[in-house]
Amino acid sequence: MSTRRTFFATGGLLPAAFAAPVPLPQPAPTADVFEAAFKGDVARINELAKWNPALARLRSADGRTPLHYAVDGGQIAIVQTLSLLGADLSAGPESPLLKAVAYADPATAFGLTQSLVINASDPNARSADGRSAIQIAAKLGRQDIVDLLAHRGASGPEAERSSAERVYFGKRHSFDLDGNPYSAPDIEGLPQDFINDFVRAAHGDGVKVKRLHKIVPGLVGARATWDELAIEAAAHMGLLNLARYLAEHGAPVSTCTATLLGFPGRVEALVKADAACVRERGAHDFGLIAYTAFAEQRAGIADFLLRNGASVSAKGMGGTALHHAARKGYVELAEILLAHGAEINGEGVTPLATAVKAKQDKMADFLKSRGGRA
């Protein structure tokens, strides 16, 4: 039975347990979504979202979305919140990315840009007069943003001059758990907000994921508006059992996910079939090597990936793979990362400081013995 027929098996209606309306308090009109976005009022945005998450796609009188207002206000947290509510990250009249790269404060500009492009905002967005985001960033002398845009797929001479590693997704949705060619299910007619809710749940609510999956099995291959599948959400959250459940029920298994699941044979097959897979990134731009630490430590896979060109210093939210290993107390993995050139100190919070905060005493002692500083 196709996914489409499964969805409409009850006439397009969900079972009563899911279809019954849930009374929600009407939000007090103290701040509309545009004002809350500009001011950075996350609590108000979340309050309004309980009423209707589609507010993330509302338009003001001049055609702008709440995301435009969040960028104008320099509100990085709001950009992230609206992204997960299903905002159009490249919405016109001009993409929010164009204002983000040019925000007055350079650090905020980078944070806004990063929050947009790692969640599928078009890195090649152009202004009404034809200027690209990377051209604007280059003219302002913001090389960190130029490199970020080049990394996420921006084109042009500015990108060609950048030394940033280019992200690669060539085999992201190519194979299932057994290495068979993956075929996306038919989910025509399924509302995007329903898909988004499924992927949001995969960040921590396994019970809800399984319940929704039973209603619409094809959800395992459905992509949220921020370019993430449920299995990819479970993977970067380190939810090993949930990721395994989704893989066993037909979700595509990328190099990142195979690493998280601990299937060295699948990882090796992917890399040997296409060496560029070592440049794969997971959802939200998490580096491939970080997936060796998100759940159980995958020291052997880490060694294979690094010997085949994976970046040991790839950063994502939460730091490098060594930071993640330090947080979990994975000494064996940390040894391999350091053997392949992982930076033990550097700028910002160090792996040793991370281990101390997480009360990973054995890891802290190990890092100190290797010259780590807190």
Protein backbone atom coordinates (compact mmCIF):
# COMPACT_ATOMS: atom_id res chain seq x y z
CA MET A 1 0.00 0.00 0.00
CA SER A 2 1.37 3.38 -0.95
CA THR A 3 1.90 6.08 1.60
CA ARG A 4 -0.63 8.24 -0.15
CA ARG A 5 -3.37 5.63 0.19
CA THR A 6 -2.40 5.04 3.80
CA PHE A 7 -2.81 8.70 4.57
CA PHE A 8 -6.22 8.96 2.95
CA ALA A 9 -7.42 5.58 4.20
CA THR A 10 -9.87 7.30 6.56
CA GLY A 11 -10.97 9.90 4.09
CA GLY A 12 -8.07 12.22 4.83
CA LEU A 13 -8.93 12.36 8.53
CA LEU A 14 -6.71 11.36 11.41
CA PRO A 15 -7.96 8.96 14.09
CA ALA A 16 -10.03 10.61 16.80
CA ALA A 17 -7.15 10.62 19.28
CA PHE A 18 -5.23 12.87 16.93
CA ALA A 19 -8.04 14.80 15.27
CA ALA A 20 -9.85 15.96 18.40
CA PRO A 21 -9.39 19.70 18.87
CA VAL A 22 -7.32 20.68 21.88
CA PRO A 23 -8.58 23.84 23.58
CA LEU A 24 -5.89 26.48 23.62
CA PRO A 25 -6.05 29.85 25.34
CA GLN A 26 -6.29 32.77 22.97
CA PRO A 27 -3.03 34.74 23.11
CA ALA A 28 -3.37 38.16 24.66
CA PRO A 29 -2.77 40.88 22.06
CA THR A 30 0.16 42.40 23.92
CA ALA A 31 2.70 41.75 21.18
CA ASP A 32 2.13 40.43 17.68
CA VAL A 33 4.52 38.02 16.06
CA PHE A 34 6.39 40.70 14.11
CA GLU A 35 7.05 42.82 17.20
CA ALA A 36 8.04 39.77 19.23
CA ALA A 37 10.44 38.68 16.49
CA PHE A 38 12.11 42.08 16.31
CA LYS A 39 12.46 42.35 20.09
CA GLY A 40 13.70 38.79 20.58
CA ASP A 41 10.77 37.65 22.71
CA VAL A 42 11.15 33.87 22.39
CA ALA A 43 8.52 33.18 25.05
CA ARG A 44 5.94 35.23 23.15
CA ILE A 45 6.77 33.51 19.86
CA ASN A 46 6.34 30.11 21.49
CA GLU A 47 3.08 31.21 23.10
CA LEU A 48 1.71 32.31 19.74
CA ALA A 49 2.98 29.14 18.08
CA LYS A 50 0.78 27.04 20.38
CA TRP A 51 -2.14 28.83 18.80
CA ASN A 52 -0.90 28.25 15.27
CA PRO A 53 2.69 27.46 14.19
CA ALA A 54 1.89 28.78 10.70
CA LEU A 55 2.42 32.26 12.15
CA ALA A 56 6.05 31.82 11.13
CA ARG A 57 4.93 32.37 7.55
CA LEU A 58 2.67 35.35 8.12
CA ARG A 59 3.24 38.51 6.08
CA SER A 60 3.20 42.08 7.30
CA ALA A 61 1.68 44.89 5.23
CA ASP A 62 4.96 45.34 3.33
CA GLY A 63 5.25 41.63 2.54
CA ARG A 64 7.92 40.72 5.06
CA THR A 65 7.77 37.67 7.33
CA PRO A 66 8.58 37.44 11.07
CA LEU A 67 11.99 36.13 9.99
CA HIS A 68 12.76 39.44 8.28
CA TYR A 69 11.89 41.26 11.50
CA ALA A 70 14.08 38.92 13.56
CA VAL A 71 17.05 39.60 11.30
CA ASP A 72 16.42 43.35 11.43
CA GLY A 73 16.50 43.09 15.22
CA GLY A 74 19.64 40.94 15.27
CA GLN A 75 17.76 38.16 17.09
CA ILE A 76 19.67 34.94 16.43
CA ALA A 77 17.58 32.85 18.85
CA ILE A 78 14.39 33.99 17.15
CA VAL A 79 15.76 33.01 13.74
CA GLN A 80 16.39 29.52 15.10
CA THR A 81 12.94 29.34 16.70
CA LEU A 82 11.13 30.48 13.56
CA SER A 83 13.14 28.04 11.45
CA LEU A 84 11.83 25.11 13.48
CA LEU A 85 8.30 26.47 13.19
CA GLY A 86 8.50 26.16 9.43
CA ALA A 87 9.47 29.66 8.34
CA ASP A 88 10.46 30.19 4.72
CA LEU A 89 14.17 30.88 5.16
CA SER A 90 14.50 32.42 1.72
CA ALA A 91 11.24 34.36 1.67
CA GLY A 92 10.88 37.48 -0.45
CA PRO A 93 10.55 40.29 -1.23
CA GLU A 94 14.28 39.82 -0.57
CA SER A 95 15.77 36.90 1.31
CA PRO A 96 16.45 37.62 5.01
CA LEU A 97 19.99 36.38 4.33
CA LEU A 98 20.84 39.61 2.52
CA LYS A 99 20.18 41.69 5.62
CA ALA A 100 21.85 39.11 7.84
CA VAL A 101 25.25 39.26 6.11
CA ALA A 102 25.20 43.06 6.34
CA TYR A 103 24.03 43.43 9.94
CA ALA A 104 25.96 46.22 11.67
CA ASP A 105 27.64 44.09 14.34
CA PRO A 106 29.99 41.57 12.63
CA ALA A 107 29.55 38.85 15.27
CA THR A 108 25.78 39.09 15.12
CA ALA A 109 25.93 39.13 11.32
CA PHE A 110 27.82 35.84 11.37
CA GLY A 111 25.39 34.29 13.86
CA LEU A 112 22.35 35.34 11.84
CA THR A 113 23.90 34.11 8.60
CA GLN A 114 24.89 30.80 10.15
CA SER A 115 21.42 30.21 11.60
CA LEU A 116 19.90 30.76 8.17
CA VAL A 117 22.23 28.86 5.85
CA ILE A 118 22.66 25.76 8.03
CA ASN A 119 18.89 25.35 7.93
CA ALA A 120 18.49 25.57 4.14
CA SER A 121 18.33 29.29 3.37
CA ASP A 122 19.57 29.69 -0.21
CA PRO A 123 23.26 30.76 -0.02
CA ASN A 124 22.99 32.21 -3.53
CA ALA A 125 20.21 34.66 -2.69
CA ARG A 126 20.35 37.94 -4.61
CA SER A 127 19.03 41.40 -3.88
CA ALA A 128 16.67 43.27 -6.20
CA ASP A 129 19.67 45.01 -7.79
CA GLY A 130 21.40 41.68 -8.47
CA ARG A 131 23.99 41.56 -5.68
CA SER A 132 24.54 38.15 -4.11
CA ALA A 133 24.90 37.55 -0.39
CA ILE A 134 28.54 36.55 -0.81
CA GLN A 135 29.28 39.70 -2.81
CA ILE A 136 27.78 41.84 -0.05
CA ALA A 137 29.80 40.02 2.61
CA ALA A 138 33.02 40.35 0.60
CA LYS A 139 32.53 44.07 0.07
CA LEU A 140 32.11 44.51 3.83
CA GLY A 141 35.34 42.59 4.43
CA ARG A 142 33.58 39.78 6.31
CA GLN A 143 35.72 36.84 5.29
CA ASP A 144 34.21 34.54 7.92
CA ILE A 145 30.79 34.99 6.29
CA VAL A 146 32.27 34.59 2.80
CA ASP A 147 33.82 31.29 3.91
CA LEU A 148 30.56 30.15 5.53
CA LEU A 149 28.56 30.90 2.38
CA ALA A 150 31.15 29.18 0.20
CA HIS A 151 31.05 26.18 2.53
CA ARG A 152 27.27 25.96 2.16
CA GLY A 153 27.30 26.16 -1.63
CA ALA A 154 27.46 29.81 -2.67
CA SER A 155 28.94 30.38 -6.11
CA GLY A 156 30.94 33.17 -7.72
CA PRO A 157 34.54 34.40 -7.71
CA GLU A 158 34.38 35.17 -3.99
CA ALA A 159 33.55 31.54 -3.28
CA GLU A 160 36.25 30.31 -5.65
CA ARG A 161 38.86 32.29 -3.72
CA SER A 162 37.71 30.88 -0.38
CA SER A 163 39.62 27.98 1.15
CA ALA A 164 36.57 26.77 3.07
CA GLU A 165 35.65 23.10 2.76
CA ARG A 166 32.56 22.61 0.61
CA VAL A 167 29.74 20.61 2.11
CA TYR A 168 28.75 17.50 0.17
CA PHE A 169 25.41 15.69 0.09
CA GLY A 170 25.90 13.36 -2.88
CA LYS A 171 24.90 10.16 -1.04
CA ARG A 172 22.72 11.67 1.68
CA HIS A 173 19.46 10.11 0.46
CA SER A 174 20.85 7.38 -1.77
CA PHE A 175 20.69 4.17 0.29
CA ASP A 176 18.71 2.42 2.99
CA LEU A 177 20.12 0.59 6.01
CA ASP A 178 21.00 -2.48 3.95
CA GLY A 179 22.72 -0.53 1.20
CA ASN A 180 19.86 -0.86 -1.26
CA PRO A 181 18.96 2.16 -3.42
CA TYR A 182 16.58 4.39 -1.50
CA SER A 183 13.28 5.37 -3.08
CA ALA A 184 11.38 8.27 -1.54
CA PRO A 185 7.80 7.41 -0.51
CA ASP A 186 4.74 9.03 -2.03
CA ILE A 187 3.49 11.61 0.47
CA GLU A 188 1.59 13.78 -1.98
CA GLY A 189 -1.16 15.69 -0.19
CA LEU A 190 0.44 15.44 3.24
CA PRO A 191 0.51 18.92 4.84
CA GLN A 192 4.00 20.33 5.35
CA ASP A 193 3.11 21.39 8.90
CA PHE A 194 2.35 17.74 9.69
CA ILE A 195 5.78 16.75 8.36
CA ASN A 196 7.45 19.53 10.34
CA ASP A 197 5.73 18.34 13.52
CA PHE A 198 7.03 14.81 12.94
CA VAL A 199 10.62 15.97 12.47
CA ARG A 200 10.42 18.29 15.50
CA ALA A 201 9.24 15.34 17.59
CA ALA A 202 12.26 13.32 16.43
CA HIS A 203 14.48 15.66 18.44
CA GLY A 204 13.30 14.00 21.66
CA ASP A 205 9.76 12.58 21.64
CA GLY A 206 10.18 9.04 20.39
CA VAL A 207 6.68 8.00 21.48
CA LYS A 208 5.09 10.67 19.30
CA VAL A 209 7.36 9.79 16.37
CA LYS A 210 6.30 6.14 16.45
CA ARG A 211 2.63 7.07 16.85
CA LEU A 212 2.68 9.39 13.85
CA HIS A 213 4.73 6.92 11.83
CA LYS A 214 2.02 4.28 12.26
CA ILE A 215 -0.50 6.71 10.78
CA VAL A 216 1.72 7.77 7.86
CA PRO A 217 4.64 5.35 7.30
CA GLY A 218 6.05 7.56 4.54
CA LEU A 219 6.96 10.19 7.09
CA VAL A 220 10.33 8.46 7.50
CA GLY A 221 11.36 9.99 4.17
CA ALA A 222 9.66 13.37 4.55
CA ARG A 223 11.80 16.48 4.78
CA ALA A 224 11.05 19.42 7.07
CA THR A 225 11.19 22.95 5.70
CA TRP A 226 14.57 23.41 7.38
CA ASP A 227 16.00 20.51 5.33
CA GLU A 228 16.01 17.72 7.92
CA LEU A 229 14.59 14.21 8.06
CA ALA A 230 13.40 12.66 11.31
CA ILE A 231 16.28 10.16 11.28
CA GLU A 232 18.74 13.03 10.91
CA ALA A 233 17.17 14.82 13.88
CA ALA A 234 17.42 11.68 16.01
CA ALA A 235 21.03 11.19 14.88
CA HIS A 236 22.39 14.60 15.88
CA MET A 237 20.48 14.40 19.17
CA GLY A 238 22.25 11.11 19.90
CA LEU A 239 18.93 9.20 20.07
CA LEU A 240 20.39 5.88 18.97
CA ASN A 241 17.29 3.72 19.48
CA LEU A 242 15.02 6.16 17.66
CA ALA A 243 17.45 6.53 14.76
CA ARG A 244 17.69 2.74 14.53
CA TYR A 245 13.88 2.43 14.55
CA LEU A 246 13.55 4.89 11.68
CA ALA A 247 16.35 3.20 9.72
CA GLU A 248 14.72 -0.20 10.18
CA HIS A 249 11.46 1.25 8.89
CA GLY A 250 12.91 2.49 5.64
CA ALA A 251 14.49 5.89 6.28
CA PRO A 252 17.54 6.74 4.15
CA VAL A 253 20.87 6.21 5.90
CA SER A 254 23.53 8.80 5.14
CA THR A 255 27.20 8.59 6.05
CA CYS A 256 26.49 10.63 9.19
CA THR A 257 23.63 8.37 10.25
CA ALA A 258 25.55 5.16 9.51
CA THR A 259 28.36 6.52 11.69
CA LEU A 260 25.97 7.30 14.54
CA LEU A 261 24.38 3.84 14.27
CA GLY A 262 27.78 2.17 14.39
CA PHE A 263 27.76 0.37 11.03
CA PRO A 264 31.37 0.49 9.80
CA GLY A 265 30.55 -1.63 6.76
CA ARG A 266 28.00 0.91 5.52
CA VAL A 267 30.34 3.82 6.24
CA GLU A 268 33.21 2.16 4.38
CA ALA A 269 30.98 1.25 1.44
CA LEU A 270 29.74 4.84 1.12
CA VAL A 271 33.21 6.35 1.28
CA LYS A 272 34.71 3.80 -1.11
CA ALA A 273 31.88 4.43 -3.59
CA ASP A 274 32.30 8.20 -3.34
CA ALA A 275 35.33 9.63 -1.51
CA ALA A 276 33.62 13.02 -1.21
CA CYS A 277 31.29 11.52 1.42
CA VAL A 278 33.89 12.44 4.04
CA ARG A 279 32.75 16.05 3.50
CA GLU A 280 29.18 15.19 4.35
CA ARG A 281 27.43 17.26 6.98
CA GLY A 282 24.39 16.33 8.99
CA ALA A 283 21.36 18.49 9.70
CA HIS A 284 22.23 21.98 10.98
CA ASP A 285 25.74 21.53 9.52
CA PHE A 286 27.08 19.13 12.14
CA GLY A 287 30.40 17.75 10.93
CA LEU A 288 30.58 14.07 9.99
CA ILE A 289 33.24 13.22 12.58
CA ALA A 290 31.03 14.56 15.39
CA TYR A 291 28.66 11.64 14.82
CA THR A 292 31.31 9.35 16.30
CA ALA A 293 30.52 10.92 19.69
CA PHE A 294 26.81 11.77 19.67
CA ALA A 295 25.64 8.40 21.02
CA GLU A 296 28.05 5.53 21.71
CA GLN A 297 31.67 6.28 20.87
CA ARG A 298 32.67 5.06 17.43
CA ALA A 299 36.45 5.10 17.69
CA GLY A 300 37.09 2.63 14.87
CA ILE A 301 34.83 4.50 12.45
CA ALA A 302 36.47 7.78 13.45
CA ASP A 303 39.89 6.38 12.62
CA PHE A 304 38.67 5.15 9.22
CA LEU A 305 37.03 8.47 8.35
CA LEU A 306 40.03 10.53 9.40
CA ARG A 307 42.43 8.30 7.47
CA ASN A 308 40.25 8.91 4.43
CA GLY A 309 40.24 12.69 4.65
CA ALA A 310 37.43 13.66 7.02
CA SER A 311 38.07 16.91 8.88
CA VAL A 312 38.99 16.43 12.53
CA SER A 313 38.37 20.12 13.21
CA ALA A 314 34.90 20.43 11.65
CA LYS A 315 32.76 22.50 13.97
CA GLY A 316 29.06 22.48 14.64
CA MET A 317 26.84 23.62 17.45
CA GLY A 318 28.59 22.52 20.62
CA GLY A 319 32.13 22.59 19.25
CA THR A 320 34.36 20.01 17.59
CA ALA A 321 34.20 16.24 17.86
CA LEU A 322 36.79 16.47 20.64
CA HIS A 323 34.44 18.73 22.60
CA HIS A 324 31.65 16.18 22.21
CA ALA A 325 33.94 13.34 23.22
CA ALA A 326 35.09 15.33 26.26
CA ARG A 327 31.49 15.96 27.28
CA LYS A 328 30.70 12.24 27.11
CA GLY A 329 33.97 11.02 28.65
CA TYR A 330 34.98 9.04 25.56
CA VAL A 331 38.72 8.74 26.19
CA GLU A 332 39.39 6.14 23.46
CA LEU A 333 37.77 8.37 20.86
CA ALA A 334 39.63 11.41 22.17
CA GLU A 335 42.95 9.57 21.74
CA ILE A 336 42.17 8.89 18.09
CA LEU A 337 41.03 12.47 17.45
CA LEU A 338 44.23 13.84 18.97
CA ALA A 339 46.34 11.38 16.99
CA HIS A 340 44.80 12.85 13.84
CA GLY A 341 45.57 16.43 14.84
CA ALA A 342 42.56 17.63 16.82
CA GLU A 343 43.18 20.98 18.52
CA ILE A 344 43.29 20.44 22.26
CA ASN A 345 43.19 24.11 23.22
CA GLY A 346 42.52 26.93 20.76
CA GLU A 347 40.09 29.81 21.16
CA GLY A 348 36.91 29.70 23.20
CA VAL A 349 35.83 26.94 25.56
CA THR A 350 38.42 24.15 25.47
CA PRO A 351 37.72 20.41 25.52
CA LEU A 352 39.25 20.27 29.01
CA ALA A 353 36.86 22.96 30.26
CA THR A 354 34.03 20.99 28.67
CA ALA A 355 35.10 17.80 30.46
CA VAL A 356 35.41 19.59 33.81
CA LYS A 357 31.94 21.12 33.45
CA ALA A 358 30.50 17.69 32.59
CA LYS A 359 32.30 16.17 35.61
CA GLN A 360 34.16 13.71 33.39
CA ASP A 361 37.15 13.33 35.71
CA LYS A 362 38.91 10.56 33.78
CA MET A 363 38.65 12.58 30.58
CA ALA A 364 39.85 15.73 32.34
CA ASP A 365 42.92 13.90 33.65
CA PHE A 366 43.63 12.51 30.20
CA LEU A 367 43.37 15.92 28.51
CA LYS A 368 45.60 17.51 31.15
CA SER A 369 48.20 14.80 30.51
CA ARG A 370 48.14 15.81 26.82
CA GLY A 371 48.60 19.52 27.52
CA GLY A 372 44.98 20.58 27.69
CA ARG A 373 44.12 23.85 29.39
CA ALA A 374 40.89 24.89 31.03
